[in-house]
Protein backbone atom coordinates (compact mmCIF):
# COMPACT_ATOMS: atom_id res chain seq x y z
CA MET A 1 0.02 0.04 0.01
CA ALA A 2 1.26 3.46 -0.88
CA THR A 3 1.32 5.81 2.09
CA ASP A 4 2.56 8.99 0.50
CA GLN A 5 -0.91 10.28 -0.53
CA HIS A 6 -3.46 12.16 1.46
CA THR A 7 -5.75 10.44 3.93
CA THR A 8 -9.28 10.48 2.45
CA THR A 9 -12.45 8.47 2.26
CA ALA A 10 -13.21 5.74 -0.13
CA THR A 11 -15.75 8.00 -1.76
CA ASP A 12 -14.11 11.29 -2.51
CA ARG A 13 -15.33 11.80 -6.01
CA PRO A 14 -18.73 11.70 -7.73
CA ARG A 15 -20.13 8.33 -8.63
CA PRO A 16 -20.53 7.86 -12.38
CA GLY A 17 -23.70 6.04 -13.48
CA VAL A 18 -25.70 6.98 -10.40
CA GLY A 19 -27.49 10.04 -11.67
CA GLY A 20 -24.46 12.25 -11.17
CA GLY A 21 -24.98 12.33 -7.40
CA HIS A 22 -22.16 13.20 -5.01
CA GLU A 23 -20.90 11.29 -2.04
CA PRO A 24 -22.61 11.61 1.38
CA VAL A 25 -21.88 14.75 3.32
CA GLY A 26 -19.72 14.34 6.37
CA GLN A 27 -17.37 11.61 5.21
CA GLU A 28 -14.20 13.64 6.13
CA GLN A 29 -15.56 14.21 9.70
CA LEU A 30 -16.40 10.56 10.02
CA TRP A 31 -12.85 9.66 8.89
CA GLN A 32 -11.36 12.02 11.45
CA ARG A 33 -13.48 10.71 14.24
CA ALA A 34 -12.62 7.11 13.37
CA GLN A 35 -8.86 7.82 13.44
CA ALA A 36 -9.23 9.45 16.82
CA ALA A 37 -11.35 6.67 18.36
CA GLY A 38 -9.61 3.76 16.61
CA ALA A 39 -13.06 2.45 15.52
CA ALA A 40 -14.99 2.84 12.33
CA THR A 41 -18.06 1.42 10.54
CA ALA A 42 -18.35 1.14 6.76
CA VAL A 43 -21.05 0.04 4.36
CA ALA A 44 -20.37 -1.39 0.90
CA HIS A 45 -22.55 -3.07 -1.72
CA PRO A 46 -21.75 -6.01 -4.01
CA ASN A 47 -20.93 -5.39 -7.70
CA ILE A 48 -21.90 -7.64 -10.48
CA ALA A 49 -19.28 -7.90 -13.36
CA LEU A 50 -20.56 -7.31 -16.87
CA ILE A 51 -17.12 -8.13 -18.12
CA LYS A 52 -16.01 -10.95 -15.83
CA TYR A 53 -13.01 -11.40 -13.53
CA TRP A 54 -12.08 -15.07 -13.78
CA GLY A 55 -8.50 -16.14 -13.16
CA LYS A 56 -5.44 -14.82 -11.38
CA ARG A 57 -1.86 -14.55 -12.71
CA ASP A 58 -0.57 -13.90 -9.17
CA GLU A 59 -2.55 -15.37 -6.23
CA GLN A 60 -0.59 -13.67 -3.51
CA LEU A 61 -1.04 -10.08 -4.90
CA VAL A 62 -4.45 -10.99 -6.40
CA LEU A 63 -3.51 -9.83 -9.85
CA PRO A 64 -6.12 -10.78 -12.51
CA ALA A 65 -5.45 -12.34 -15.91
CA ALA A 66 -7.54 -9.62 -17.61
CA ASP A 67 -9.39 -6.33 -16.97
CA SER A 68 -13.01 -6.58 -15.75
CA LEU A 69 -15.88 -4.10 -15.55
CA SER A 70 -18.87 -4.08 -13.18
CA MET A 71 -21.96 -2.37 -11.88
CA THR A 72 -22.30 -1.81 -8.17
CA LEU A 73 -25.77 -2.62 -6.84
CA ASP A 74 -27.97 -0.68 -4.39
CA VAL A 75 -29.03 -3.89 -2.60
CA PHE A 76 -27.39 -6.63 -0.40
CA ALA A 77 -25.27 -4.25 1.59
CA THR A 78 -22.47 -5.36 4.03
CA THR A 79 -21.92 -3.39 7.16
CA THR A 80 -18.54 -3.84 8.94
CA THR A 81 -17.19 -2.33 12.07
CA VAL A 82 -13.53 -2.48 13.02
CA ARG A 83 -12.54 -1.53 16.57
CA LEU A 84 -8.89 -1.56 17.77
CA ALA A 85 -8.31 -3.67 20.86
CA PRO A 86 -4.94 -2.80 22.35
CA GLY A 87 -3.78 -5.46 24.76
CA ALA A 88 -6.07 -8.21 23.38
CA PRO A 89 -4.38 -11.56 22.62
CA GLY A 90 -5.39 -11.40 18.98
CA ASP A 91 -8.05 -10.42 16.47
CA ARG A 92 -11.60 -11.36 17.03
CA VAL A 93 -13.94 -11.84 13.99
CA LEU A 94 -17.73 -11.87 14.07
CA LEU A 95 -19.65 -12.72 11.02
CA GLY A 96 -23.40 -12.26 11.19
CA GLY A 97 -23.18 -11.87 15.00
CA ALA A 98 -21.41 -15.31 15.39
CA GLU A 99 -17.72 -15.92 16.28
CA ALA A 100 -15.96 -16.93 13.12
CA SER A 101 -13.20 -19.50 12.88
CA GLY A 102 -11.42 -21.54 10.19
CA PRO A 103 -10.73 -20.09 6.76
CA SER A 104 -13.25 -17.23 6.99
CA ALA A 105 -11.66 -15.80 10.09
CA ALA A 106 -8.15 -16.49 8.70
CA ARG A 107 -8.84 -14.37 5.56
CA VAL A 108 -9.96 -11.45 7.72
CA VAL A 109 -6.93 -11.75 10.01
CA ALA A 110 -4.55 -11.96 7.02
CA PHE A 111 -6.20 -8.79 5.63
CA LEU A 112 -5.75 -6.96 8.95
CA ASP A 113 -2.16 -7.89 8.91
CA LEU A 114 -1.77 -6.02 5.62
CA VAL A 115 -3.33 -3.01 7.09
CA ARG A 116 -1.19 -3.17 10.21
CA ALA A 117 1.92 -3.50 8.13
CA ALA A 118 1.00 -0.41 6.09
CA SER A 119 -0.15 1.78 9.05
CA ALA A 120 2.57 0.71 11.60
CA VAL A 121 -0.20 0.42 14.20
CA PRO A 122 0.25 -3.10 15.83
CA HIS A 123 -2.99 -3.49 17.80
CA PRO A 124 -5.39 -6.40 17.28
CA ALA A 125 -8.96 -5.57 16.30
CA ILE A 126 -12.54 -6.73 16.77
CA VAL A 127 -14.27 -7.12 13.38
CA ASP A 128 -17.99 -7.36 13.27
CA SER A 129 -19.43 -7.88 9.76
CA ARG A 130 -23.03 -8.39 8.74
CA ASN A 131 -24.21 -9.36 5.30
CA THR A 132 -27.63 -8.90 3.82
CA VAL A 133 -26.66 -11.24 0.96
CA PRO A 134 -26.26 -15.01 1.09
CA THR A 135 -22.53 -15.80 1.52
CA GLY A 136 -20.77 -18.11 -1.02
CA ALA A 137 -23.74 -18.29 -3.36
CA GLY A 138 -22.27 -16.38 -6.29
CA LEU A 139 -23.82 -13.06 -5.23
CA ALA A 140 -20.59 -11.14 -4.72
CA SER A 141 -20.76 -11.18 -0.83
CA SER A 142 -16.94 -11.19 -0.71
CA ALA A 143 -16.83 -8.03 -2.85
CA SER A 144 -19.02 -6.00 -0.51
CA GLY A 145 -17.41 -7.66 2.58
CA PHE A 146 -13.84 -6.79 1.82
CA ALA A 147 -14.68 -3.35 0.43
CA ALA A 148 -16.39 -2.51 3.70
CA LEU A 149 -13.55 -4.06 5.66
CA ALA A 150 -10.94 -2.07 3.67
CA VAL A 151 -12.66 1.21 4.32
CA ALA A 152 -13.36 0.54 8.03
CA ALA A 153 -9.90 -0.90 8.77
CA ALA A 154 -8.15 1.90 6.92
CA ALA A 155 -10.03 4.51 8.94
CA ALA A 156 -9.62 2.69 12.34
CA TYR A 157 -5.91 2.17 11.81
CA ALA A 158 -5.50 5.74 10.47
CA LEU A 159 -4.03 4.38 7.29
CA ALA A 160 -2.89 7.09 4.76
CA ALA A 161 -4.44 6.09 1.42
CA ASP A 162 -6.38 7.77 -1.25
CA THR A 163 -9.26 6.10 -3.22
CA ARG A 164 -6.83 4.30 -5.49
CA GLY A 165 -4.86 2.98 -2.54
CA LEU A 166 -8.08 1.72 -0.88
CA SER A 167 -9.07 0.01 -4.09
CA ARG A 168 -5.67 -1.72 -4.14
CA LEU A 169 -6.06 -2.71 -0.51
CA ALA A 170 -9.54 -4.20 -0.97
CA ARG A 171 -8.21 -6.13 -4.02
CA ARG A 172 -5.83 -8.07 -1.69
CA GLY A 173 -8.85 -9.32 0.37
CA SER A 174 -11.05 -10.29 -2.62
CA GLY A 175 -10.27 -9.24 -6.13
CA SER A 176 -13.73 -7.95 -7.05
CA ALA A 177 -13.89 -5.93 -3.86
CA CYS A 178 -11.69 -3.34 -5.46
CA ARG A 179 -14.59 -2.42 -7.77
CA SER A 180 -17.15 -2.02 -4.90
CA LEU A 181 -15.20 1.06 -3.66
CA PHE A 182 -17.04 2.87 -6.51
CA GLY A 183 -20.65 3.42 -7.25
CA GLY A 184 -22.16 2.80 -10.71
CA PHE A 185 -19.77 1.21 -13.20
CA ALA A 186 -16.12 0.56 -12.51
CA GLN A 187 -13.20 -1.14 -14.33
CA TRP A 188 -10.48 -3.10 -12.61
CA HIS A 189 -7.19 -2.74 -14.42
CA ALA A 190 -5.13 -5.94 -14.63
CA ALA A 191 -1.90 -3.95 -15.20
CA LEU A 192 -0.51 -6.56 -17.56
CA ASP A 193 2.12 -4.17 -18.88
CA ALA A 194 3.24 -2.82 -15.47
CA GLY A 195 6.49 -4.85 -15.27
CA ASP A 196 7.49 -6.62 -12.05
CA ASP A 197 5.28 -7.49 -9.15
CA SER A 198 5.77 -4.26 -7.41
CA GLY A 199 4.76 -2.24 -10.48
CA ALA A 200 1.76 -4.49 -11.17
CA ASP A 201 0.62 -4.21 -7.55
CA ALA A 202 0.72 -0.35 -7.78
CA ALA A 203 -1.10 -0.33 -11.10
CA SER A 204 -3.81 -2.87 -10.52
CA PHE A 205 -6.83 -0.96 -9.09
CA ALA A 206 -10.38 -0.07 -10.09
CA GLU A 207 -11.69 3.32 -11.19
CA PRO A 208 -15.08 4.68 -12.27
CA VAL A 209 -16.35 4.23 -15.88
CA PRO A 210 -18.46 7.01 -17.38
CA ALA A 211 -21.88 6.07 -18.64
CA ALA A 212 -24.34 8.17 -20.65
CA PRO A 213 -26.85 9.96 -18.40
CA THR A 214 -29.63 8.51 -20.55
CA LEU A 215 -28.74 4.93 -19.46
CA ASP A 216 -31.23 3.78 -16.84
CA PRO A 217 -30.60 0.15 -16.15
CA ALA A 218 -31.96 -2.33 -13.57
CA LEU A 219 -30.55 -5.67 -12.65
CA VAL A 220 -33.22 -8.25 -11.63
CA VAL A 221 -31.52 -10.86 -9.43
CA ALA A 222 -33.05 -14.40 -9.40
CA VAL A 223 -31.75 -16.24 -6.37
CA VAL A 224 -32.45 -19.81 -7.23
CA ASP A 225 -30.19 -21.30 -4.59
CA ALA A 226 -28.94 -19.33 -1.63
CA GLY A 227 -26.79 -22.09 -0.20
CA PRO A 228 -23.00 -22.24 -0.32
CA LYS A 229 -21.42 -23.55 -3.44
CA ALA A 230 -20.05 -27.11 -3.58
CA VAL A 231 -16.90 -25.78 -5.32
CA SER A 232 -15.58 -22.39 -4.08
CA SER A 233 -14.93 -19.65 -6.54
CA ARG A 234 -11.19 -19.75 -5.71
CA GLU A 235 -10.91 -23.56 -6.39
CA ALA A 236 -13.09 -23.22 -9.53
CA MET A 237 -10.88 -20.39 -10.76
CA ARG A 238 -7.67 -22.32 -10.18
CA ARG A 239 -8.95 -25.41 -11.90
CA THR A 240 -10.24 -23.49 -14.94
CA VAL A 241 -6.97 -21.58 -15.37
CA ALA A 242 -4.89 -24.68 -15.01
CA THR A 243 -6.89 -27.19 -17.10
CA SER A 244 -9.52 -25.61 -19.41
CA PRO A 245 -8.53 -25.51 -23.15
CA LEU A 246 -11.08 -22.75 -23.57
CA TYR A 247 -9.67 -20.42 -21.00
CA ARG A 248 -7.02 -18.54 -22.93
CA PRO A 249 -9.32 -17.88 -25.89
CA TRP A 250 -11.96 -16.55 -23.57
CA VAL A 251 -9.41 -14.13 -21.92
CA ALA A 252 -8.44 -12.84 -25.36
CA SER A 253 -12.07 -12.27 -26.37
CA SER A 254 -12.82 -10.68 -22.97
CA GLY A 255 -10.44 -7.85 -23.82
CA GLN A 256 -12.42 -7.14 -26.99
CA ASP A 257 -15.63 -7.29 -25.02
CA LEU A 258 -14.43 -4.76 -22.45
CA ALA A 259 -13.57 -2.20 -25.16
CA GLN A 260 -16.99 -2.65 -26.70
CA MET A 261 -18.63 -2.45 -23.30
CA ARG A 262 -17.00 0.87 -22.45
CA ALA A 263 -18.30 2.24 -25.84
CA ALA A 264 -21.80 0.90 -25.26
CA LEU A 265 -21.96 2.47 -21.78
CA ALA A 266 -20.68 5.83 -23.14
CA ALA A 267 -23.39 5.63 -25.83
CA GLY A 268 -26.16 4.68 -23.38
CA ASP A 269 -26.92 1.62 -25.54
CA LEU A 270 -28.43 -0.84 -23.06
CA PRO A 271 -29.10 -3.68 -25.68
CA ALA A 272 -25.53 -3.58 -26.60
CA VAL A 273 -24.42 -3.55 -22.97
CA GLY A 274 -26.67 -6.51 -22.39
CA GLU A 275 -25.52 -8.54 -25.40
CA ILE A 276 -21.88 -8.07 -24.52
CA ALA A 277 -22.42 -8.94 -20.83
CA GLU A 278 -24.46 -12.10 -21.69
CA ARG A 279 -21.89 -13.51 -24.09
CA ASN A 280 -19.04 -12.75 -21.77
CA ALA A 281 -20.70 -14.50 -18.86
CA LEU A 282 -21.80 -17.54 -20.87
CA GLY A 283 -18.24 -17.81 -22.27
CA MET A 284 -16.89 -17.86 -18.73
CA HIS A 285 -19.18 -20.69 -17.76
CA ALA A 286 -18.06 -22.55 -20.87
CA THR A 287 -14.43 -22.34 -19.74
CA MET A 288 -15.52 -23.97 -16.41
CA LEU A 289 -17.45 -26.73 -18.19
CA ALA A 290 -14.32 -27.52 -20.17
CA ALA A 291 -12.08 -27.73 -17.08
CA ARG A 292 -10.65 -31.12 -16.01
CA PRO A 293 -12.75 -32.15 -14.03
CA ALA A 294 -15.58 -29.87 -15.08
CA VAL A 295 -17.00 -27.18 -12.80
CA ARG A 296 -20.72 -26.79 -13.26
CA TYR A 297 -22.63 -24.11 -11.44
CA LEU A 298 -25.56 -24.07 -13.80
CA ALA A 299 -28.57 -25.66 -12.09
CA PRO A 300 -31.95 -26.74 -13.69
CA ALA A 301 -33.46 -23.59 -12.24
CA SER A 302 -30.71 -21.46 -13.73
CA LEU A 303 -31.48 -22.78 -17.19
CA ARG A 304 -35.22 -22.07 -16.70
CA VAL A 305 -34.33 -18.48 -15.93
CA LEU A 306 -32.05 -18.29 -19.05
CA ASP A 307 -34.87 -19.70 -21.15
CA ALA A 308 -37.22 -17.08 -19.70
CA VAL A 309 -34.72 -14.30 -20.61
CA THR A 310 -34.56 -15.56 -24.26
CA GLN A 311 -38.39 -15.62 -24.37
CA LEU A 312 -38.61 -12.06 -23.02
CA ARG A 313 -36.34 -10.95 -25.81
CA ASP A 314 -38.40 -12.82 -28.38
CA GLY A 315 -41.31 -10.83 -27.06
CA GLY A 316 -39.57 -7.52 -27.53
CA VAL A 317 -38.26 -6.87 -24.05
CA ALA A 318 -34.55 -5.96 -23.95
CA ALA A 319 -33.43 -8.47 -21.19
CA TYR A 320 -30.02 -10.03 -20.93
CA ALA A 321 -28.60 -12.60 -18.47
CA THR A 322 -25.31 -12.65 -16.61
CA MET A 323 -24.04 -15.09 -14.04
CA ASP A 324 -21.12 -15.31 -11.67
CA ALA A 325 -19.55 -18.36 -10.09
CA GLY A 326 -22.86 -19.76 -8.82
CA PRO A 327 -26.32 -20.88 -9.96
CA ASN A 328 -28.04 -17.47 -9.48
CA VAL A 329 -28.94 -15.42 -12.56
CA LYS A 330 -28.95 -11.57 -12.94
CA VAL A 331 -30.94 -10.08 -15.71
CA LEU A 332 -30.01 -6.59 -17.07
CA CYS A 333 -32.92 -4.52 -18.43
CA GLU A 334 -34.36 -1.02 -18.59
CA ARG A 335 -35.60 0.18 -15.22
CA SER A 336 -39.06 0.69 -16.78
CA GLN A 337 -39.24 -2.98 -17.70
CA ALA A 338 -37.83 -4.40 -14.45
CA GLY A 339 -41.29 -5.15 -13.00
CA ALA A 340 -42.27 -7.13 -16.05
CA VAL A 341 -38.97 -9.05 -16.08
CA ALA A 342 -39.23 -9.87 -12.34
CA ALA A 343 -42.76 -11.18 -12.83
CA ARG A 344 -41.61 -13.43 -15.69
CA LEU A 345 -38.70 -14.82 -13.69
CA ARG A 346 -41.01 -15.58 -10.72
CA GLU A 347 -43.30 -17.44 -13.11
CA ALA A 348 -40.35 -19.45 -14.47
CA VAL A 349 -38.97 -20.32 -11.11
CA PRO A 350 -41.72 -19.91 -8.44
CA ASP A 351 -39.37 -20.91 -5.56
CA ALA A 352 -36.79 -18.30 -6.48
CA SER A 353 -36.31 -15.09 -4.54
CA VAL A 354 -36.39 -12.15 -7.10
CA VAL A 355 -34.92 -8.83 -6.22
CA VAL A 356 -34.79 -5.67 -8.44
CA ALA A 357 -31.49 -3.77 -8.09
CA ARG A 358 -30.33 -0.44 -9.47
CA PRO A 359 -26.87 1.06 -9.79
CA GLY A 360 -25.70 1.68 -6.24
CA PRO A 361 -23.24 3.77 -4.24
CA GLY A 362 -19.62 3.24 -3.51
CA ALA A 363 -18.32 2.10 -0.09
CA CYS A 364 -18.43 4.78 2.64
CA LEU A 365 -18.06 5.26 6.40
CA VAL A 366 -21.31 5.55 8.42
CA ALA A 367 -21.99 6.86 11.96
CA GLY A 368 -22.40 4.43 14.76
CA ASP A 369 -22.47 0.74 13.87
CA GLY A 370 -24.63 1.23 10.80
CA ARG A 371 -27.71 -0.63 12.15
């Protein structure tokens, strides 16, 4: 983490793609109070990649194989409080109000170690994180979780980092978290031409992507299975990169998709945005199916949702599907058509939970514990 830039919040610039709104008033005061108290609470939202992140070239630094581009949502927030605990024997991690242990707690502790090393403050901390999204179900809970943790921990430990530095920090916890620092649309730079590890670490961050003010999208989320995945995203990613003959061609085509996606966003062309997002996501799932052994997240209910999306398009509704590493399907459409799309998905999968999301805000500090 660079420490030669001014201390600021994770939201010190306007959020592109969210109606031109500016960040909440009072962030600087909250940041100063957090530094003085050694405690901070942050809220972050998940982002859904329209151009997917799938595969790392460096697991320790969490450097991706290709650029990605996402939309931050206004639903499924994570609220995380970090409170320094001088004299405590070690870090304490609470997830959803329960004491965490095993790999989940270890990831949080390892992340706090990065913050402590950058800030030179040695104290343990108590971390209390609460999701409103199912964890491990392919709904980007790690993105919102580590984005909120990055902001809260940086404030509590008085870490000197600007927005870019916070994005880089969040990346080390969970790659896609670097994009949840920003509202609306954001691109994560892979920094493929940055030279050695140090250069790539400094150059791999997310930043906002401009979108035409006429673009008014919604993302209808069909949760067909809220349970944890049988194969974790990390394991599926490793297996795909190592064994799938379709992986490298998909990475190459993903770069072309990203350039076209940026142009479509700038033009406010939602059908083009949707077409690019759908083919990119289905291509990613094809790479998993070709892995040895195959990774299959698509469930029968997922396929029913995908069929419903095709039927909606045949009926003249501009609806396009995207999926992350899990069975749940997200459908991009115009906000004015979100109700009709949601109704059709409920009809296709009556047991599914269907939620309508809009472009949401970037991560920020909140007063108190955020409840």
